Amino acid sequence: MSDVGLNPTQDEFLRTHRWALVSTIGRGTRPQVTMVAYHWDGRDIVMSIRASAVKWRNLLTHPEIAITVVDDRRFLTMSGRADAISADPEREALTIRVLHSLLPEDAAYLQQEMDRGLDVSQRVIVRLTPQHVVGRC
């Protein structure tokens, strides 16, 4: 379980969902929000994204991030400083973790990217070990 004290209901909520809204700090301190697939292991959330993505460039400048998982009126937002991981073997291991958490139709795309090679596909990992949690589950 996370150090931020998620209760069992919050933990289960994160484990049974796969998509989240990720908020980063963009140019001029404007928020930039996108949807990404994620994997929660009870300690941290990892996401595989492209190095060319705006959110990646934002995180390299401002590592603060918020991740919100929504299901109708239920939601959970976690925030803190993200780790930007662009080198193997950690990047590959975490990409596999995301891949195995996805439904087959969603996993196929990431598997193709891995088959091409993470450097060629320009895949990187964002990892958040949450420091703050708020929500209603």
Protein backbone atom coordinates (compact mmCIF):
# COMPACT_ATOMS: atom_id res chain seq x y z
CA MET A 1 0.00 0.00 0.00
CA SER A 2 1.14 3.56 -0.68
CA ASP A 3 2.86 5.67 1.98
CA VAL A 4 0.12 8.32 1.52
CA GLY A 5 -2.33 6.05 3.28
CA LEU A 6 -4.77 4.94 0.62
CA ASN A 7 -7.61 2.95 2.09
CA PRO A 8 -8.57 -0.45 0.58
CA THR A 9 -11.43 1.08 -1.44
CA GLN A 10 -9.10 3.65 -3.04
CA ASP A 11 -6.48 0.99 -3.76
CA GLU A 12 -9.07 -1.25 -5.43
CA PHE A 13 -10.42 1.70 -7.43
CA LEU A 14 -6.96 2.33 -8.89
CA ARG A 15 -6.30 -1.36 -9.55
CA THR A 16 -9.57 -1.85 -11.47
CA HIS A 17 -9.15 1.11 -13.81
CA ARG A 18 -6.61 1.62 -16.59
CA TRP A 19 -7.00 5.19 -17.87
CA ALA A 20 -6.28 8.48 -16.15
CA LEU A 21 -6.10 12.18 -16.83
CA VAL A 22 -2.55 13.44 -16.36
CA SER A 23 -1.96 17.11 -15.58
CA THR A 24 1.45 18.70 -16.04
CA ILE A 25 2.66 22.28 -15.84
CA GLY A 26 3.13 23.67 -19.32
CA ARG A 27 4.72 26.74 -20.79
CA GLY A 28 3.76 29.85 -18.88
CA THR A 29 2.59 27.62 -15.99
CA ARG A 30 -0.59 26.67 -17.85
CA PRO A 31 -1.93 23.21 -17.03
CA GLN A 32 -1.73 20.61 -19.78
CA VAL A 33 -4.07 17.62 -19.42
CA THR A 34 -4.08 14.39 -21.43
CA MET A 35 -5.44 10.88 -21.02
CA VAL A 36 -3.00 7.99 -20.62
CA ALA A 37 -3.02 4.33 -19.68
CA TYR A 38 -1.44 3.53 -16.34
CA HIS A 39 -0.60 0.74 -13.93
CA TRP A 40 -0.92 1.01 -10.14
CA ASP A 41 0.91 -1.57 -8.02
CA GLY A 42 -0.09 -0.27 -4.59
CA ARG A 43 2.99 1.92 -4.31
CA ASP A 44 3.33 3.91 -7.53
CA ILE A 45 1.67 4.66 -10.85
CA VAL A 46 3.61 4.20 -14.09
CA MET A 47 2.73 5.39 -17.58
CA SER A 48 4.46 4.77 -20.91
CA ILE A 49 4.46 7.83 -23.16
CA ARG A 50 6.41 9.19 -26.11
CA ALA A 51 9.47 11.35 -25.56
CA SER A 52 8.01 13.78 -28.13
CA ALA A 53 4.85 14.31 -26.02
CA VAL A 54 4.28 17.75 -24.55
CA LYS A 55 3.71 16.20 -21.12
CA TRP A 56 7.22 14.67 -21.22
CA ARG A 57 8.83 18.01 -22.02
CA ASN A 58 6.73 19.63 -19.30
CA LEU A 59 7.87 17.06 -16.73
CA LEU A 60 11.52 17.57 -17.58
CA THR A 61 11.10 21.25 -16.68
CA HIS A 62 8.48 20.94 -13.91
CA PRO A 63 8.32 17.42 -12.43
CA GLU A 64 5.11 18.15 -10.51
CA ILE A 65 2.18 16.08 -11.76
CA ALA A 66 -1.41 15.23 -10.89
CA ILE A 67 -3.13 12.04 -12.04
CA THR A 68 -6.92 11.72 -11.83
CA VAL A 69 -8.86 8.50 -12.34
CA VAL A 70 -12.56 9.11 -12.98
CA ASP A 71 -15.54 6.75 -13.00
CA ASP A 72 -18.82 8.66 -13.25
CA ARG A 73 -18.95 10.65 -9.97
CA ARG A 74 -16.20 8.65 -8.33
CA PHE A 75 -12.66 9.96 -8.70
CA LEU A 76 -9.23 9.85 -7.14
CA THR A 77 -6.49 12.42 -7.72
CA MET A 78 -2.90 11.75 -6.71
CA SER A 79 -0.12 14.28 -7.02
CA GLY A 80 3.56 14.77 -6.34
CA ARG A 81 6.91 14.87 -8.14
CA ALA A 82 7.22 12.44 -11.03
CA ASP A 83 10.27 10.46 -12.06
CA ALA A 84 11.18 10.68 -15.75
CA ILE A 85 12.73 7.37 -16.83
CA SER A 86 14.28 7.18 -20.28
CA ALA A 87 16.95 4.47 -19.91
CA ASP A 88 16.87 0.68 -19.71
CA PRO A 89 16.66 -1.69 -17.93
CA GLU A 90 14.20 0.17 -15.66
CA ARG A 91 12.30 1.73 -18.59
CA GLU A 92 11.78 -1.66 -20.23
CA ALA A 93 10.64 -3.36 -17.02
CA LEU A 94 8.13 -0.60 -16.27
CA THR A 95 6.86 -0.57 -19.86
CA ILE A 96 6.18 -4.30 -19.55
CA ARG A 97 4.31 -3.60 -16.33
CA VAL A 98 2.03 -1.13 -18.15
CA LEU A 99 1.65 -3.52 -21.09
CA HIS A 100 0.49 -6.41 -18.89
CA SER A 101 -2.11 -4.24 -17.16
CA LEU A 102 -3.91 -3.30 -20.39
CA LEU A 103 -6.80 -5.01 -22.12
CA PRO A 104 -5.66 -6.90 -25.26
CA GLU A 105 -6.99 -4.30 -27.70
CA ASP A 106 -5.10 -1.54 -25.88
CA ALA A 107 -1.98 -3.62 -25.31
CA ALA A 108 -1.50 -4.38 -29.01
CA TYR A 109 -0.29 -0.86 -29.80
CA LEU A 110 2.21 -0.76 -26.95
CA GLN A 111 3.43 -4.24 -27.88
CA GLN A 112 4.11 -3.03 -31.43
CA GLU A 113 6.08 -0.12 -30.01
CA MET A 114 8.13 -2.51 -27.85
CA ASP A 115 8.73 -4.82 -30.83
CA ARG A 116 10.14 -1.86 -32.77
CA GLY A 117 12.37 -1.01 -29.81
CA LEU A 118 11.78 1.55 -27.09
CA ASP A 119 14.48 3.88 -28.43
CA VAL A 120 13.13 3.72 -31.99
CA SER A 121 9.57 4.19 -30.73
CA GLN A 122 10.77 6.96 -28.41
CA ARG A 123 8.91 5.44 -25.43
CA VAL A 124 9.68 6.70 -21.95
CA ILE A 125 8.19 6.13 -18.50
CA VAL A 126 6.63 8.55 -16.05
CA ARG A 127 6.40 7.24 -12.50
CA LEU A 128 4.54 8.89 -9.65
CA THR A 129 4.84 7.78 -6.06
CA PRO A 130 1.95 9.87 -4.72
CA GLN A 131 2.54 12.39 -2.00
CA HIS A 132 -1.04 13.74 -1.84
CA VAL A 133 -4.36 12.00 -2.49
CA VAL A 134 -7.88 13.41 -2.65
CA GLY A 135 -11.08 11.95 -4.02
CA ARG A 136 -14.39 10.21 -3.59
CA CYS A 137 -14.54 6.49 -4.25
